[in-house]
């Protein structure tokens, strides 16, 4: 079998690439390698920054979770005390509680 020669864009076979062509290709490869190293460095620094952000956000979420747990405990204790107040049978305490709730809602309505 015979092999066809490669042809250039205008139908003329390209000139044989000698030793100088290999140097040119090696130079292009070195430039591409440098660009890739720069891009890898940027990606590495970006990944490190993302990791730091994730750690900071996890810390904030843990602090918020602890705060919500403490508020939940306080609210549960308050609800328990209101339940005890309801079982005591005193109507004046319920009236004071009702007026206090109305007062708080009124203050919040005026403030907002």
N, C-alpha and C. Protein backbone atom coordinates (compact mmCIF):
# COMPACT_ATOMS: atom_id res chain seq x y z
N UNK A 1 0.82 -1.17 0.00
CA UNK A 1 0.00 0.00 0.00
C UNK A 1 0.88 1.24 0.00
N UNK A 2 0.32 2.28 -0.44
CA UNK A 2 1.05 3.55 -0.47
C UNK A 2 0.34 4.53 0.46
N UNK A 3 1.09 5.46 0.97
CA UNK A 3 0.55 6.48 1.86
C UNK A 3 0.44 7.79 1.11
N UNK A 4 -0.64 8.47 1.31
CA UNK A 4 -0.82 9.77 0.67
C UNK A 4 -0.12 10.82 1.52
N UNK A 5 0.44 11.77 0.87
CA UNK A 5 1.07 12.86 1.57
C UNK A 5 0.00 13.81 2.10
N UNK A 6 0.25 14.33 3.26
CA UNK A 6 -0.68 15.33 3.80
C UNK A 6 -0.56 16.60 2.99
N UNK A 7 -1.68 17.25 2.82
CA UNK A 7 -1.68 18.48 2.06
C UNK A 7 -2.10 19.64 2.95
N UNK A 8 -1.58 20.79 2.67
CA UNK A 8 -1.92 22.00 3.40
C UNK A 8 -3.26 22.53 2.96
N UNK A 9 -3.64 23.72 3.44
CA UNK A 9 -4.95 24.28 3.11
C UNK A 9 -5.10 24.63 1.63
N UNK A 10 -4.02 24.92 0.94
CA UNK A 10 -4.15 25.28 -0.47
C UNK A 10 -3.77 24.13 -1.40
N UNK A 11 -3.68 22.94 -0.91
CA UNK A 11 -3.40 21.76 -1.73
C UNK A 11 -1.92 21.46 -1.88
N UNK A 12 -1.06 22.29 -1.32
CA UNK A 12 0.39 22.10 -1.43
C UNK A 12 0.84 21.35 -0.18
N UNK A 13 1.67 20.30 -0.35
CA UNK A 13 2.14 19.59 0.85
C UNK A 13 3.00 20.52 1.71
N UNK A 14 2.85 20.43 3.04
CA UNK A 14 3.62 21.30 3.93
C UNK A 14 5.10 20.93 3.86
N UNK A 15 5.96 21.90 4.17
CA UNK A 15 7.39 21.57 4.18
C UNK A 15 7.70 20.64 5.34
N UNK A 16 8.74 19.85 5.16
CA UNK A 16 9.14 18.92 6.23
C UNK A 16 9.59 19.72 7.45
N UNK A 17 9.11 19.31 8.58
CA UNK A 17 9.45 20.00 9.82
C UNK A 17 10.73 19.39 10.33
N UNK A 18 11.73 20.22 10.50
CA UNK A 18 13.02 19.72 10.96
C UNK A 18 13.15 19.86 12.46
N UNK A 19 14.40 19.92 12.90
CA UNK A 19 14.69 20.01 14.33
C UNK A 19 14.14 21.30 14.93
N UNK A 20 14.14 22.38 14.16
CA UNK A 20 13.62 23.66 14.64
C UNK A 20 12.14 23.59 14.96
N UNK A 21 11.39 22.77 14.25
CA UNK A 21 9.97 22.62 14.52
C UNK A 21 9.71 21.96 15.86
N UNK A 22 10.57 21.02 16.22
CA UNK A 22 10.42 20.35 17.52
C UNK A 22 10.70 21.32 18.66
N UNK A 23 11.67 22.20 18.45
CA UNK A 23 11.95 23.20 19.48
C UNK A 23 10.76 24.13 19.66
N UNK A 24 10.16 24.48 18.54
CA UNK A 24 8.99 25.35 18.59
C UNK A 24 7.84 24.66 19.33
N UNK A 25 7.62 23.38 19.04
CA UNK A 25 6.57 22.64 19.74
C UNK A 25 6.87 22.51 21.23
N UNK A 26 8.15 22.29 21.55
CA UNK A 26 8.52 22.17 22.96
C UNK A 26 8.33 23.50 23.68
N UNK A 27 8.63 24.60 22.99
CA UNK A 27 8.43 25.92 23.57
C UNK A 27 6.94 26.19 23.82
N UNK A 28 6.10 25.80 22.85
CA UNK A 28 4.65 25.96 23.03
C UNK A 28 4.16 25.10 24.19
N UNK A 29 4.69 23.88 24.29
CA UNK A 29 4.30 23.01 25.40
C UNK A 29 4.72 23.61 26.74
N UNK A 30 5.90 24.19 26.80
CA UNK A 30 6.36 24.81 28.04
C UNK A 30 5.48 26.00 28.41
N UNK A 31 5.09 26.80 27.41
CA UNK A 31 4.20 27.93 27.68
C UNK A 31 2.84 27.43 28.17
N UNK A 32 2.31 26.40 27.52
CA UNK A 32 1.02 25.83 27.94
C UNK A 32 1.13 25.24 29.34
N UNK A 33 2.28 24.62 29.64
CA UNK A 33 2.48 24.06 30.98
C UNK A 33 2.50 25.16 32.03
N UNK A 34 3.15 26.28 31.71
CA UNK A 34 3.18 27.41 32.63
C UNK A 34 1.79 27.97 32.88
N UNK A 35 1.01 28.09 31.79
CA UNK A 35 -0.36 28.58 31.95
C UNK A 35 -1.19 27.64 32.80
N UNK A 36 -1.02 26.34 32.56
CA UNK A 36 -1.77 25.36 33.36
C UNK A 36 -1.36 25.41 34.82
N UNK A 37 -0.06 25.59 35.08
CA UNK A 37 0.39 25.69 36.47
C UNK A 37 -0.21 26.92 37.14
N UNK A 38 -0.29 28.04 36.41
CA UNK A 38 -0.93 29.24 36.96
C UNK A 38 -2.40 28.99 37.27
N UNK A 39 -3.09 28.32 36.35
CA UNK A 39 -4.51 28.04 36.56
C UNK A 39 -4.72 27.08 37.71
N UNK A 40 -3.84 26.08 37.82
CA UNK A 40 -3.95 25.14 38.94
C UNK A 40 -3.71 25.86 40.26
N UNK A 41 -2.74 26.79 40.27
CA UNK A 41 -2.48 27.58 41.48
C UNK A 41 -3.69 28.41 41.87
N UNK A 42 -4.33 29.02 40.87
CA UNK A 42 -5.54 29.80 41.15
C UNK A 42 -6.66 28.92 41.69
N UNK A 43 -6.82 27.75 41.08
CA UNK A 43 -7.86 26.83 41.57
C UNK A 43 -7.57 26.36 42.98
N UNK A 44 -6.30 26.12 43.27
CA UNK A 44 -5.92 25.68 44.61
C UNK A 44 -6.23 26.76 45.64
N UNK A 45 -5.87 28.01 45.33
CA UNK A 45 -6.15 29.10 46.27
C UNK A 45 -7.65 29.31 46.42
N UNK A 46 -8.40 29.14 45.32
CA UNK A 46 -9.85 29.27 45.39
C UNK A 46 -10.45 28.17 46.26
N UNK A 47 -9.95 26.95 46.11
CA UNK A 47 -10.44 25.84 46.94
C UNK A 47 -10.12 26.07 48.41
N UNK A 48 -8.95 26.61 48.69
CA UNK A 48 -8.58 26.90 50.09
C UNK A 48 -9.49 27.98 50.66
N UNK A 49 -9.77 29.02 49.86
CA UNK A 49 -10.68 30.08 50.31
C UNK A 49 -12.08 29.55 50.55
N UNK A 50 -12.55 28.68 49.66
CA UNK A 50 -13.89 28.08 49.85
C UNK A 50 -13.91 27.24 51.12
N UNK A 51 -12.85 26.49 51.37
CA UNK A 51 -12.77 25.69 52.60
C UNK A 51 -12.82 26.55 53.85
N UNK A 52 -12.12 27.70 53.81
CA UNK A 52 -12.14 28.61 54.96
C UNK A 52 -13.53 29.19 55.17
N UNK A 53 -14.21 29.54 54.07
CA UNK A 53 -15.58 30.06 54.18
C UNK A 53 -16.52 29.01 54.75
N UNK A 54 -16.37 27.77 54.30
CA UNK A 54 -17.23 26.69 54.80
C UNK A 54 -17.01 26.48 56.29
N UNK A 55 -15.75 26.51 56.74
CA UNK A 55 -15.47 26.35 58.17
C UNK A 55 -16.08 27.49 58.98
N UNK A 56 -15.97 28.71 58.45
CA UNK A 56 -16.54 29.87 59.15
C UNK A 56 -18.07 29.77 59.22
N UNK A 57 -18.68 29.37 58.13
CA UNK A 57 -20.15 29.24 58.12
C UNK A 57 -20.60 28.11 59.03
N UNK A 58 -19.86 27.01 59.07
CA UNK A 58 -20.22 25.92 59.99
C UNK A 58 -20.13 26.39 61.44
N UNK A 59 -19.11 27.21 61.74
CA UNK A 59 -18.98 27.75 63.09
C UNK A 59 -20.19 28.63 63.43
N UNK A 60 -20.59 29.50 62.50
CA UNK A 60 -21.75 30.36 62.74
C UNK A 60 -23.03 29.54 62.90
N UNK A 61 -23.17 28.49 62.08
CA UNK A 61 -24.36 27.64 62.20
C UNK A 61 -24.39 26.91 63.54
N UNK A 62 -23.24 26.45 64.01
CA UNK A 62 -23.20 25.78 65.32
C UNK A 62 -23.56 26.76 66.44
N UNK A 63 -23.07 28.00 66.34
CA UNK A 63 -23.41 29.00 67.35
C UNK A 63 -24.91 29.31 67.32
N UNK A 64 -25.47 29.42 66.11
CA UNK A 64 -26.91 29.68 65.99
C UNK A 64 -27.71 28.50 66.55
N UNK A 65 -27.25 27.29 66.29
CA UNK A 65 -27.93 26.10 66.81
C UNK A 65 -27.91 26.09 68.34
N UNK A 66 -26.76 26.45 68.92
CA UNK A 66 -26.68 26.51 70.38
C UNK A 66 -27.61 27.59 70.94
N UNK A 67 -27.67 28.73 70.26
CA UNK A 67 -28.56 29.81 70.72
C UNK A 67 -30.02 29.38 70.64
N UNK A 68 -30.40 28.71 69.55
CA UNK A 68 -31.78 28.25 69.42
C UNK A 68 -32.11 27.18 70.46
N UNK A 69 -31.13 26.33 70.78
CA UNK A 69 -31.36 25.34 71.83
C UNK A 69 -31.61 26.00 73.18
N UNK A 70 -30.82 27.03 73.49
CA UNK A 70 -31.01 27.70 74.79
C UNK A 70 -32.35 28.45 74.82
N UNK A 71 -32.72 29.08 73.70
CA UNK A 71 -34.01 29.76 73.65
C UNK A 71 -35.15 28.75 73.75
N UNK A 72 -34.99 27.59 73.10
CA UNK A 72 -36.01 26.55 73.19
C UNK A 72 -36.20 26.06 74.62
N UNK A 73 -35.08 25.92 75.34
CA UNK A 73 -35.17 25.51 76.74
C UNK A 73 -35.85 26.56 77.59
N UNK A 74 -35.51 27.81 77.35
CA UNK A 74 -36.14 28.91 78.09
C UNK A 74 -37.63 29.00 77.79
N UNK A 75 -37.98 28.84 76.51
CA UNK A 75 -39.38 28.89 76.12
C UNK A 75 -40.16 27.72 76.73
N UNK A 76 -39.56 26.54 76.73
CA UNK A 76 -40.22 25.39 77.36
C UNK A 76 -40.46 25.60 78.84
N UNK A 77 -39.47 26.19 79.51
CA UNK A 77 -39.62 26.47 80.94
C UNK A 77 -40.73 27.50 81.17
N UNK A 78 -40.79 28.52 80.31
CA UNK A 78 -41.82 29.55 80.43
C UNK A 78 -43.20 28.96 80.21
N UNK A 79 -43.34 28.11 79.20
CA UNK A 79 -44.63 27.46 78.94
C UNK A 79 -45.03 26.59 80.12
N UNK A 80 -44.06 25.93 80.73
CA UNK A 80 -44.36 25.13 81.92
C UNK A 80 -44.87 25.99 83.06
N UNK A 81 -44.25 27.15 83.24
CA UNK A 81 -44.70 28.06 84.31
C UNK A 81 -46.10 28.60 84.02
N UNK A 82 -46.40 28.90 82.75
CA UNK A 82 -47.75 29.36 82.40
C UNK A 82 -48.76 28.25 82.66
N UNK A 83 -48.38 27.01 82.37
CA UNK A 83 -49.27 25.87 82.67
C UNK A 83 -49.55 25.76 84.15
N UNK A 84 -48.52 25.95 84.98
CA UNK A 84 -48.72 25.93 86.43
C UNK A 84 -49.64 27.05 86.87
N UNK A 85 -49.48 28.22 86.25
CA UNK A 85 -50.32 29.36 86.57
C UNK A 85 -51.77 29.08 86.22
N UNK A 86 -51.99 28.43 85.07
CA UNK A 86 -53.37 28.09 84.68
C UNK A 86 -53.99 27.10 85.65
N UNK A 87 -53.21 26.18 86.15
CA UNK A 87 -53.74 25.17 87.07
C UNK A 87 -53.98 25.73 88.47
N UNK A 88 -53.38 26.87 88.80
CA UNK A 88 -53.53 27.41 90.15
C UNK A 88 -54.95 27.93 90.40
N UNK A 89 -55.68 28.30 89.34
CA UNK A 89 -57.07 28.70 89.50
C UNK A 89 -57.26 30.17 89.81
N UNK A 90 -56.20 30.93 89.91
CA UNK A 90 -56.33 32.35 90.19
C UNK A 90 -56.64 33.09 88.89
N UNK A 91 -57.75 33.85 88.90
CA UNK A 91 -58.15 34.54 87.69
C UNK A 91 -57.40 35.86 87.53
N UNK A 92 -56.93 36.44 88.58
CA UNK A 92 -56.22 37.70 88.48
C UNK A 92 -54.88 37.54 87.76
N UNK A 93 -54.23 36.40 87.98
CA UNK A 93 -52.97 36.15 87.29
C UNK A 93 -53.20 36.06 85.78
N UNK A 94 -54.29 35.42 85.40
CA UNK A 94 -54.59 35.29 83.97
C UNK A 94 -54.93 36.66 83.37
N UNK A 95 -55.60 37.50 84.12
CA UNK A 95 -55.92 38.84 83.66
C UNK A 95 -54.66 39.67 83.49
N UNK A 96 -53.75 39.58 84.46
CA UNK A 96 -52.48 40.29 84.34
C UNK A 96 -51.67 39.78 83.14
N UNK A 97 -51.67 38.49 82.96
CA UNK A 97 -50.97 37.90 81.83
C UNK A 97 -51.57 38.37 80.50
N UNK A 98 -52.88 38.41 80.43
CA UNK A 98 -53.57 38.86 79.22
C UNK A 98 -53.21 40.32 78.91
N UNK A 99 -53.25 41.19 79.92
CA UNK A 99 -52.91 42.59 79.70
C UNK A 99 -51.43 42.77 79.32
N UNK A 100 -50.59 41.95 79.91
CA UNK A 100 -49.17 42.02 79.57
C UNK A 100 -48.94 41.64 78.11
N UNK A 101 -49.60 40.60 77.63
CA UNK A 101 -49.46 40.18 76.24
C UNK A 101 -49.99 41.26 75.30
N UNK A 102 -51.13 41.84 75.64
CA UNK A 102 -51.69 42.92 74.83
C UNK A 102 -50.72 44.11 74.80
N UNK A 103 -50.14 44.44 75.94
CA UNK A 103 -49.18 45.53 76.03
C UNK A 103 -47.95 45.27 75.16
N UNK A 104 -47.42 44.07 75.21
CA UNK A 104 -46.24 43.72 74.40
C UNK A 104 -46.57 43.81 72.92
N UNK A 105 -47.71 43.29 72.51
CA UNK A 105 -48.09 43.38 71.10
C UNK A 105 -48.28 44.83 70.67
N UNK A 106 -48.85 45.65 71.55
CA UNK A 106 -49.05 47.06 71.23
C UNK A 106 -47.71 47.77 71.06
N UNK A 107 -46.77 47.52 71.94
CA UNK A 107 -45.43 48.12 71.85
C UNK A 107 -44.74 47.67 70.58
N UNK A 108 -44.81 46.39 70.26
CA UNK A 108 -44.20 45.89 69.02
C UNK A 108 -44.86 46.50 67.78
N UNK A 109 -46.17 46.66 67.84
CA UNK A 109 -46.88 47.27 66.70
C UNK A 109 -46.47 48.70 66.50
N UNK A 110 -46.30 49.44 67.60
CA UNK A 110 -45.87 50.84 67.51
C UNK A 110 -44.41 50.95 67.04
N UNK A 111 -43.59 50.03 67.44
CA UNK A 111 -42.16 50.05 67.11
C UNK A 111 -41.93 49.69 65.65
N UNK A 112 -42.65 48.73 65.16
CA UNK A 112 -42.47 48.28 63.78
C UNK A 112 -43.29 49.14 62.90
